[in-house]
C-alpha atoms as a PDB file:
ATOM      1  CA  UNK A   1      -0.736   3.690  53.148  1.00  0.00           C
ATOM      2  CA  UNK A   2       1.710   1.242  51.616  1.00  0.00           C
ATOM      3  CA  UNK A   3       5.498   1.478  51.938  1.00  0.00           C
ATOM      4  CA  UNK A   4       7.213   2.845  48.810  1.00  0.00           C
ATOM      5  CA  UNK A   5      10.414   0.855  49.353  1.00  0.00           C
ATOM      6  CA  UNK A   6      12.337   3.716  50.985  1.00  0.00           C
ATOM      7  CA  UNK A   7      10.702   3.473  54.372  1.00  0.00           C
ATOM      8  CA  UNK A   8       8.215   6.204  53.576  1.00  0.00           C
ATOM      9  CA  UNK A   9       4.490   5.623  53.474  1.00  0.00           C
ATOM     10  CA  UNK A  10       2.956   5.895  50.023  1.00  0.00           C
ATOM     11  CA  UNK A  11      -0.463   7.545  49.572  1.00  0.00           C
ATOM     12  CA  UNK A  12      -3.217   5.230  48.364  1.00  0.00           C
ATOM     13  CA  UNK A  13      -3.754   7.203  45.172  1.00  0.00           C
ATOM     14  CA  UNK A  14      -0.053   6.841  44.279  1.00  0.00           C
ATOM     15  CA  UNK A  15      -0.174   3.077  44.850  1.00  0.00           C
ATOM     16  CA  UNK A  16      -3.207   2.794  42.560  1.00  0.00           C
ATOM     17  CA  UNK A  17      -1.510   4.982  39.952  1.00  0.00           C
ATOM     18  CA  UNK A  18       1.627   2.819  40.091  1.00  0.00           C
ATOM     19  CA  UNK A  19      -0.385  -0.358  39.558  1.00  0.00           C
ATOM     20  CA  UNK A  20      -2.140   1.203  36.566  1.00  0.00           C
ATOM     21  CA  UNK A  21       1.205   2.324  35.144  1.00  0.00           C
ATOM     22  CA  UNK A  22       2.581  -1.198  35.556  1.00  0.00           C
ATOM     23  CA  UNK A  23      -0.453  -2.518  33.687  1.00  0.00           C
ATOM     24  CA  UNK A  24       0.152  -0.059  30.839  1.00  0.00           C
ATOM     25  CA  UNK A  25       3.855  -0.941  30.630  1.00  0.00           C
ATOM     26  CA  UNK A  26       3.081  -4.678  30.602  1.00  0.00           C
ATOM     27  CA  UNK A  27       0.617  -4.250  27.748  1.00  0.00           C
ATOM     28  CA  UNK A  28      -2.457  -5.154  29.786  1.00  0.00           C
ATOM     29  CA  UNK A  29      -3.762  -1.787  28.634  1.00  0.00           C
ATOM     30  CA  UNK A  30      -2.601  -0.771  25.185  1.00  0.00           C
ATOM     31  CA  UNK A  31      -2.797   2.509  23.254  1.00  0.00           C
ATOM     32  CA  UNK A  32      -6.426   3.573  22.920  1.00  0.00           C
ATOM     33  CA  UNK A  33      -7.688   1.245  25.663  1.00  0.00           C
ATOM     34  CA  UNK A  34     -10.056   2.623  28.271  1.00  0.00           C
ATOM     35  CA  UNK A  35      -8.819   2.461  31.854  1.00  0.00           C
ATOM     36  CA  UNK A  36     -11.066   1.654  34.822  1.00  0.00           C
ATOM     37  CA  UNK A  37     -13.101   4.723  35.774  1.00  0.00           C
ATOM     38  CA  UNK A  38     -13.473   6.354  39.145  1.00  0.00           C
ATOM     39  CA  UNK A  39     -16.359   4.087  40.150  1.00  0.00           C
ATOM     40  CA  UNK A  40     -14.394   0.970  39.151  1.00  0.00           C
ATOM     41  CA  UNK A  41     -11.357   2.045  41.154  1.00  0.00           C
ATOM     42  CA  UNK A  42     -13.493   2.952  44.170  1.00  0.00           C
ATOM     43  CA  UNK A  43     -14.944  -0.557  44.199  1.00  0.00           C
ATOM     44  CA  UNK A  44     -11.710  -2.409  43.437  1.00  0.00           C
ATOM     45  CA  UNK A  45      -9.533  -0.584  45.988  1.00  0.00           C
ATOM     46  CA  UNK A  46     -12.227   0.434  48.473  1.00  0.00           C
ATOM     47  CA  UNK A  47     -11.256   4.083  48.344  1.00  0.00           C
ATOM     48  CA  UNK A  48     -13.080   7.412  48.159  1.00  0.00           C
ATOM     49  CA  UNK A  49     -13.856   9.077  44.856  1.00  0.00           C
ATOM     50  CA  UNK A  50     -11.208  11.762  45.434  1.00  0.00           C
ATOM     51  CA  UNK A  51      -8.532   9.090  45.847  1.00  0.00           C
ATOM     52  CA  UNK A  52      -9.570   7.395  42.604  1.00  0.00           C
ATOM     53  CA  UNK A  53      -9.635  10.755  40.839  1.00  0.00           C
ATOM     54  CA  UNK A  54      -6.151  11.617  42.104  1.00  0.00           C
ATOM     55  CA  UNK A  55      -4.803   8.280  40.867  1.00  0.00           C
ATOM     56  CA  UNK A  56      -6.144   8.874  37.361  1.00  0.00           C
ATOM     57  CA  UNK A  57      -4.841  12.440  37.525  1.00  0.00           C
ATOM     58  CA  UNK A  58      -1.298  11.177  38.108  1.00  0.00           C
ATOM     59  CA  UNK A  59      -1.382   9.212  34.854  1.00  0.00           C
ATOM     60  CA  UNK A  60      -2.765  12.155  32.935  1.00  0.00           C
ATOM     61  CA  UNK A  61      -0.185  14.582  34.365  1.00  0.00           C
ATOM     62  CA  UNK A  62       2.605  12.212  33.270  1.00  0.00           C
ATOM     63  CA  UNK A  63       1.263  12.122  29.709  1.00  0.00           C
ATOM     64  CA  UNK A  64       0.295   8.441  29.823  1.00  0.00           C
ATOM     65  CA  UNK A  65      -3.441   8.953  29.413  1.00  0.00           C
ATOM     66  CA  UNK A  66      -5.991  11.397  28.063  1.00  0.00           C
ATOM     67  CA  UNK A  67      -9.491  12.138  29.284  1.00  0.00           C
ATOM     68  CA  UNK A  68     -12.301  12.186  26.730  1.00  0.00           C
ATOM     69  CA  UNK A  69     -15.343  14.076  27.883  1.00  0.00           C
ATOM     70  CA  UNK A  70     -18.225  11.736  28.571  1.00  0.00           C
ATOM     71  CA  UNK A  71     -16.215   8.651  27.566  1.00  0.00           C
ATOM     72  CA  UNK A  72     -13.550   8.100  30.223  1.00  0.00           C
ATOM     73  CA  UNK A  73      -9.773   7.958  30.495  1.00  0.00           C
ATOM     74  CA  UNK A  74      -7.778   6.262  27.743  1.00  0.00           C
ATOM     75  CA  UNK A  75      -4.152   5.212  27.264  1.00  0.00           C
ATOM     76  CA  UNK A  76      -2.439   7.704  24.956  1.00  0.00           C
ATOM     77  CA  UNK A  77      -1.223   6.469  21.608  1.00  0.00           C
ATOM     78  CA  UNK A  78       2.168   8.143  21.941  1.00  0.00           C
ATOM     79  CA  UNK A  79       3.758   8.633  18.530  1.00  0.00           C
ATOM     80  CA  UNK A  80       6.145  11.473  19.239  1.00  0.00           C
ATOM     81  CA  UNK A  81       7.604  13.844  16.739  1.00  0.00           C
ATOM     82  CA  UNK A  82      11.348  13.289  16.822  1.00  0.00           C
ATOM     83  CA  UNK A  83      12.809  16.761  16.517  1.00  0.00           C
ATOM     84  CA  UNK A  84      16.276  16.265  15.040  1.00  0.00           C
ATOM     85  CA  UNK A  85      17.864  19.453  16.255  1.00  0.00           C
ATOM     86  CA  UNK A  86      20.941  19.362  14.020  1.00  0.00           C
ATOM     87  CA  UNK A  87      19.853  17.640  10.810  1.00  0.00           C
ATOM     88  CA  UNK A  88      16.710  19.754  10.450  1.00  0.00           C
ATOM     89  CA  UNK A  89      18.730  22.972  10.039  1.00  0.00           C
ATOM     90  CA  UNK A  90      21.153  21.614   7.443  1.00  0.00           C
ATOM     91  CA  UNK A  91      21.372  23.811   4.342  1.00  0.00           C
ATOM     92  CA  UNK A  92      20.760  20.742   2.164  1.00  0.00           C
ATOM     93  CA  UNK A  93      17.168  20.776   3.428  1.00  0.00           C
ATOM     94  CA  UNK A  94      15.965  24.361   3.102  1.00  0.00           C
ATOM     95  CA  UNK A  95      18.508  25.093   0.356  1.00  0.00           C
ATOM     96  CA  UNK A  96      16.756  22.529  -1.843  1.00  0.00           C
ATOM     97  CA  UNK A  97      13.271  23.820  -1.129  1.00  0.00           C
ATOM     98  CA  UNK A  98      12.339  21.529   1.771  1.00  0.00           C
ATOM     99  CA  UNK A  99      10.899  22.822   5.013  1.00  0.00           C
ATOM    100  CA  UNK A 100      13.066  22.516   8.124  1.00  0.00           C
ATOM    101  CA  UNK A 101      10.069  20.743   9.705  1.00  0.00           C
ATOM    102  CA  UNK A 102      10.269  17.894   7.159  1.00  0.00           C
ATOM    103  CA  UNK A 103      13.174  16.326   9.067  1.00  0.00           C
ATOM    104  CA  UNK A 104      10.879  15.731  12.064  1.00  0.00           C
ATOM    105  CA  UNK A 105       7.917  14.070  10.441  1.00  0.00           C
ATOM    106  CA  UNK A 106       8.850  10.613   9.208  1.00  0.00           C
ATOM    107  CA  UNK A 107       6.233  10.754   6.462  1.00  0.00           C
ATOM    108  CA  UNK A 108       3.470  12.226   8.628  1.00  0.00           C
ATOM    109  CA  UNK A 109       1.607  15.406   7.696  1.00  0.00           C
ATOM    110  CA  UNK A 110       2.232  18.537   9.723  1.00  0.00           C
ATOM    111  CA  UNK A 111      -0.349  21.206   8.930  1.00  0.00           C
ATOM    112  CA  UNK A 112      -0.013  24.930   9.545  1.00  0.00           C
ATOM    113  CA  UNK A 113      -3.547  25.929  10.484  1.00  0.00           C
ATOM    114  CA  UNK A 114      -2.824  29.510  11.555  1.00  0.00           C
ATOM    115  CA  UNK A 115      -0.470  32.057   9.977  1.00  0.00           C
ATOM    116  CA  UNK A 116      -0.296  35.687  11.014  1.00  0.00           C
ATOM    117  CA  UNK A 117       2.202  38.161   9.543  1.00  0.00           C
ATOM    118  CA  UNK A 118       2.597  41.681  10.900  1.00  0.00           C
ATOM    119  CA  UNK A 119       4.971  44.639  11.083  1.00  0.00           C
ATOM    120  CA  UNK A 120       5.629  45.670  14.683  1.00  0.00           C
ATOM    121  CA  UNK A 121       8.079  47.471  16.875  1.00  0.00           C
ATOM    122  CA  UNK A 122      10.675  44.977  18.028  1.00  0.00           C
ATOM    123  CA  UNK A 123      10.207  43.765  21.620  1.00  0.00           C
ATOM    124  CA  UNK A 124      13.192  44.696  23.761  1.00  0.00           C
ATOM    125  CA  UNK A 125      14.416  41.104  24.105  1.00  0.00           C
ATOM    126  CA  UNK A 126      14.267  40.598  20.325  1.00  0.00           C
ATOM    127  CA  UNK A 127      15.884  43.946  19.494  1.00  0.00           C
ATOM    128  CA  UNK A 128      18.750  43.049  21.806  1.00  0.00           C
ATOM    129  CA  UNK A 129      19.420  39.718  20.082  1.00  0.00           C
ATOM    130  CA  UNK A 130      19.006  41.125  16.560  1.00  0.00           C
ATOM    131  CA  UNK A 131      21.208  44.118  17.452  1.00  0.00           C
ATOM    132  CA  UNK A 132      18.507  46.622  16.478  1.00  0.00           C
ATOM    133  CA  UNK A 133      18.123  50.208  17.610  1.00  0.00           C
ATOM    134  CA  UNK A 134      15.282  51.263  19.895  1.00  0.00           C
ATOM    135  CA  UNK A 135      12.037  51.593  17.956  1.00  0.00           C
ATOM    136  CA  UNK A 136      13.221  49.429  15.062  1.00  0.00           C
ATOM    137  CA  UNK A 137      10.534  47.464  13.237  1.00  0.00           C
ATOM    138  CA  UNK A 138      10.427  43.702  12.760  1.00  0.00           C
ATOM    139  CA  UNK A 139       8.448  41.380  10.538  1.00  0.00           C
ATOM    140  CA  UNK A 140       6.607  39.015  12.888  1.00  0.00           C
ATOM    141  CA  UNK A 141       5.500  35.622  11.587  1.00  0.00           C
ATOM    142  CA  UNK A 142       3.310  33.554  13.961  1.00  0.00           C
ATOM    143  CA  UNK A 143       2.323  29.986  13.031  1.00  0.00           C
ATOM    144  CA  UNK A 144       0.544  27.100  14.717  1.00  0.00           C
ATOM    145  CA  UNK A 145       1.389  23.556  13.636  1.00  0.00           C
ATOM    146  CA  UNK A 146      -1.064  20.658  13.916  1.00  0.00           C
ATOM    147  CA  UNK A 147      -0.229  16.946  13.671  1.00  0.00           C
ATOM    148  CA  UNK A 148      -2.930  14.261  13.411  1.00  0.00           C
ATOM    149  CA  UNK A 149      -5.528  16.856  14.404  1.00  0.00           C
ATOM    150  CA  UNK A 150      -3.619  17.909  17.561  1.00  0.00           C
ATOM    151  CA  UNK A 151      -1.810  21.269  17.907  1.00  0.00           C
ATOM    152  CA  UNK A 152       1.820  20.529  18.791  1.00  0.00           C
ATOM    153  CA  UNK A 153       3.779  23.730  18.227  1.00  0.00           C
ATOM    154  CA  UNK A 154       3.394  27.508  18.152  1.00  0.00           C
ATOM    155  CA  UNK A 155       6.283  29.402  16.550  1.00  0.00           C
ATOM    156  CA  UNK A 156       6.901  33.132  16.224  1.00  0.00           C
ATOM    157  CA  UNK A 157       9.724  34.448  14.038  1.00  0.00           C
ATOM    158  CA  UNK A 158      11.097  37.977  14.219  1.00  0.00           C
ATOM    159  CA  UNK A 159      13.137  39.388  11.312  1.00  0.00           C
ATOM    160  CA  UNK A 160      14.406  42.935  10.748  1.00  0.00           C
ATOM    161  CA  UNK A 161      11.673  44.636   8.712  1.00  0.00           C
ATOM    162  CA  UNK A 162      14.170  46.644   6.675  1.00  0.00           C
ATOM    163  CA  UNK A 163      16.026  43.459   5.736  1.00  0.00           C
ATOM    164  CA  UNK A 164      12.992  41.538   4.433  1.00  0.00           C
ATOM    165  CA  UNK A 165      10.838  44.393   3.074  1.00  0.00           C
ATOM    166  CA  UNK A 166       9.124  43.506  -0.202  1.00  0.00           C
ATOM    167  CA  UNK A 167      10.137  39.824  -0.043  1.00  0.00           C
ATOM    168  CA  UNK A 168       7.972  36.715   0.239  1.00  0.00           C
ATOM    169  CA  UNK A 169       8.935  36.586   3.923  1.00  0.00           C
ATOM    170  CA  UNK A 170       6.314  39.268   4.523  1.00  0.00           C
ATOM    171  CA  UNK A 171       3.636  37.052   2.929  1.00  0.00           C
ATOM    172  CA  UNK A 172       1.778  34.145   4.604  1.00  0.00           C
ATOM    173  CA  UNK A 173       3.280  31.648   2.115  1.00  0.00           C
ATOM    174  CA  UNK A 174       7.039  32.122   1.873  1.00  0.00           C
ATOM    175  CA  UNK A 175       7.460  29.471  -0.849  1.00  0.00           C
ATOM    176  CA  UNK A 176       9.755  26.404  -1.092  1.00  0.00           C
ATOM    177  CA  UNK A 177      12.464  26.294   1.552  1.00  0.00           C
ATOM    178  CA  UNK A 178      10.674  28.834   3.721  1.00  0.00           C
ATOM    179  CA  UNK A 179      12.249  31.797   5.471  1.00  0.00           C
ATOM    180  CA  UNK A 180      15.828  30.581   5.176  1.00  0.00           C
ATOM    181  CA  UNK A 181      15.687  30.015   1.429  1.00  0.00           C
ATOM    182  CA  UNK A 182      14.253  33.519   0.990  1.00  0.00           C
ATOM    183  CA  UNK A 183      16.957  35.019   3.207  1.00  0.00           C
ATOM    184  CA  UNK A 184      19.493  33.294   0.965  1.00  0.00           C
ATOM    185  CA  UNK A 185      17.967  34.955  -2.094  1.00  0.00           C
ATOM    186  CA  UNK A 186      18.279  38.300  -0.320  1.00  0.00           C
ATOM    187  CA  UNK A 187      21.985  37.682   0.248  1.00  0.00           C
ATOM    188  CA  UNK A 188      21.656  36.854   3.930  1.00  0.00           C
ATOM    189  CA  UNK A 189      21.568  33.050   4.026  1.00  0.00           C
ATOM    190  CA  UNK A 190      21.954  31.574   7.519  1.00  0.00           C
ATOM    191  CA  UNK A 191      25.332  29.957   8.125  1.00  0.00           C
ATOM    192  CA  UNK A 192      25.096  29.385  11.871  1.00  0.00           C
ATOM    193  CA  UNK A 193      22.322  28.693  14.381  1.00  0.00           C
ATOM    194  CA  UNK A 194      22.045  28.861  18.152  1.00  0.00           C
ATOM    195  CA  UNK A 195      19.216  27.232  20.107  1.00  0.00           C
ATOM    196  CA  UNK A 196      18.397  27.648  23.770  1.00  0.00           C
ATOM    197  CA  UNK A 197      15.991  25.155  25.364  1.00  0.00           C
ATOM    198  CA  UNK A 198      14.156  25.155  28.649  1.00  0.00           C
ATOM    199  CA  UNK A 199      10.959  23.728  30.076  1.00  0.00           C
ATOM    200  CA  UNK A 200       8.180  25.150  32.238  1.00  0.00           C
ATOM    201  CA  UNK A 201       4.463  24.870  32.830  1.00  0.00           C
ATOM    202  CA  UNK A 202       2.380  26.616  30.153  1.00  0.00           C
ATOM    203  CA  UNK A 203       0.526  29.875  30.432  1.00  0.00           C
ATOM    204  CA  UNK A 204      -3.249  29.862  30.103  1.00  0.00           C
ATOM    205  CA  UNK A 205      -2.945  31.119  26.520  1.00  0.00           C
ATOM    206  CA  UNK A 206      -0.426  28.392  25.620  1.00  0.00           C
ATOM    207  CA  UNK A 207      -2.658  25.737  27.171  1.00  0.00           C
ATOM    208  CA  UNK A 208      -5.500  26.932  24.945  1.00  0.00           C
ATOM    209  CA  UNK A 209      -3.395  27.282  21.777  1.00  0.00           C
ATOM    210  CA  UNK A 210      -1.922  23.785  22.115  1.00  0.00           C
ATOM    211  CA  UNK A 211      -4.988  22.088  23.654  1.00  0.00           C
ATOM    212  CA  UNK A 212      -2.769  20.778  26.446  1.00  0.00           C
ATOM    213  CA  UNK A 213      -3.855  18.163  28.943  1.00  0.00           C
ATOM    214  CA  UNK A 214      -3.788  19.163  32.602  1.00  0.00           C
ATOM    215  CA  UNK A 215      -0.260  19.070  34.018  1.00  0.00           C
ATOM    216  CA  UNK A 216       1.553  18.970  30.661  1.00  0.00           C
ATOM    217  CA  UNK A 217       4.683  21.150  30.548  1.00  0.00           C
ATOM    218  CA  UNK A 218       6.004  22.830  27.420  1.00  0.00           C
ATOM    219  CA  UNK A 219       9.432  23.055  25.822  1.00  0.00           C
ATOM    220  CA  UNK A 220      10.579  26.573  24.991  1.00  0.00           C
ATOM    221  CA  UNK A 221      13.105  26.773  22.174  1.00  0.00           C
ATOM    222  CA  UNK A 222      14.600  30.084  21.122  1.00  0.00           C
ATOM    223  CA  UNK A 223      16.617  29.885  17.917  1.00  0.00           C
ATOM    224  CA  UNK A 224      18.762  32.645  16.463  1.00  0.00           C
ATOM    225  CA  UNK A 225      19.911  32.421  12.839  1.00  0.00           C
ATOM    226  CA  UNK A 226      23.157  34.169  11.853  1.00  0.00           C
ATOM    227  CA  UNK A 227      24.364  35.180   8.392  1.00  0.00           C
ATOM    228  CA  UNK A 228      28.014  35.664   7.357  1.00  0.00           C
ATOM    229  CA  UNK A 229      29.990  37.773   9.775  1.00  0.00           C
ATOM    230  CA  UNK A 230      27.895  36.644  12.736  1.00  0.00           C
ATOM    231  CA  UNK A 231      25.056  39.013  11.817  1.00  0.00           C
ATOM    232  CA  UNK A 232      21.736  37.840  13.390  1.00  0.00           C
ATOM    233  CA  UNK A 233      18.877  37.731  10.865  1.00  0.00           C
ATOM    234  CA  UNK A 234      16.087  35.885  12.702  1.00  0.00           C
ATOM    235  CA  UNK A 235      14.872  35.065  16.193  1.00  0.00           C
ATOM    236  CA  UNK A 236      12.365  32.211  16.384  1.00  0.00           C
ATOM    237  CA  UNK A 237      10.554  31.582  19.667  1.00  0.00           C
ATOM    238  CA  UNK A 238       8.854  28.180  19.764  1.00  0.00           C
ATOM    239  CA  UNK A 239       6.493  26.624  22.320  1.00  0.00           C
ATOM    240  CA  UNK A 240       6.210  22.838  21.992  1.00  0.00           C
ATOM    241  CA  UNK A 241       3.808  20.378  23.608  1.00  0.00           C
ATOM    242  CA  UNK A 242       6.339  18.288  25.550  1.00  0.00           C
ATOM    243  CA  UNK A 243       4.049  15.243  25.405  1.00  0.00           C
ATOM    244  CA  UNK A 244       4.261  15.304  21.585  1.00  0.00           C
ATOM    245  CA  UNK A 245       8.030  15.617  21.121  1.00  0.00           C
ATOM    246  CA  UNK A 246      11.299  13.817  21.619  1.00  0.00           C
ATOM    247  CA  UNK A 247      14.288  16.146  21.206  1.00  0.00           C
ATOM    248  CA  UNK A 248      17.142  14.349  19.432  1.00  0.00           C
ATOM    249  CA  UNK A 249      20.697  15.619  18.948  1.00  0.00           C
ATOM    250  CA  UNK A 250      23.059  13.393  16.976  1.00  0.00           C
ATOM    251  CA  UNK A 251      26.598  14.590  16.193  1.00  0.00           C
ATOM    252  CA  UNK A 252      30.128  13.299  15.819  1.00  0.00           C
ATOM    253  CA  UNK A 253      32.552  13.340  18.738  1.00  0.00           C
END
């Protein structure tokens, strides 16, 4: 094993992975280029197949590469969605009929390929945030968003069923400006938002929904929208592919 510069011995697979990462950073391998396969690495570094496989696995777990079945391992063409956490929720966006997602895209097309709307009993965690009584019903809106053919986000909104009954919010297509514009028409326009963000490894279901590469964590964002008087009107739980997003927060001091 080689020394990692701290006096500790570095495993062979890590040394190979580091050299491949250096080659990617230097431009020797660009986006879309195929990296040496297991057999190539075994010959070049005189290592066992498992060592070569572990080295390639490091790059994939760090989001630098993607494996294509039957073709090999390729450098990812990383064009992240820049989620502008403050600008995207400005009333000038949804109040003028634009989706809150439009602030993230930079001219790219984000497609909603799955929409499910249902009326359910509020989960305890949601009822607590929305200040609902036990057994209260909520309108549940679940959507999956796809960018460039790759699922990047699953979002589930919960709104008090009594508040939105009979409105377009209970339909798959809520119309221009989305949920927040419709809440405004109902007299409950959001005036304040709170977002909580954390990261963890995905569940099996989330891995499937987002077609995540092995070792890719997810961002969890829970947003609560408040109307006048601090009254909560929506809880939105989002699961984001962390390899597809940069979270940006720009604000004045």
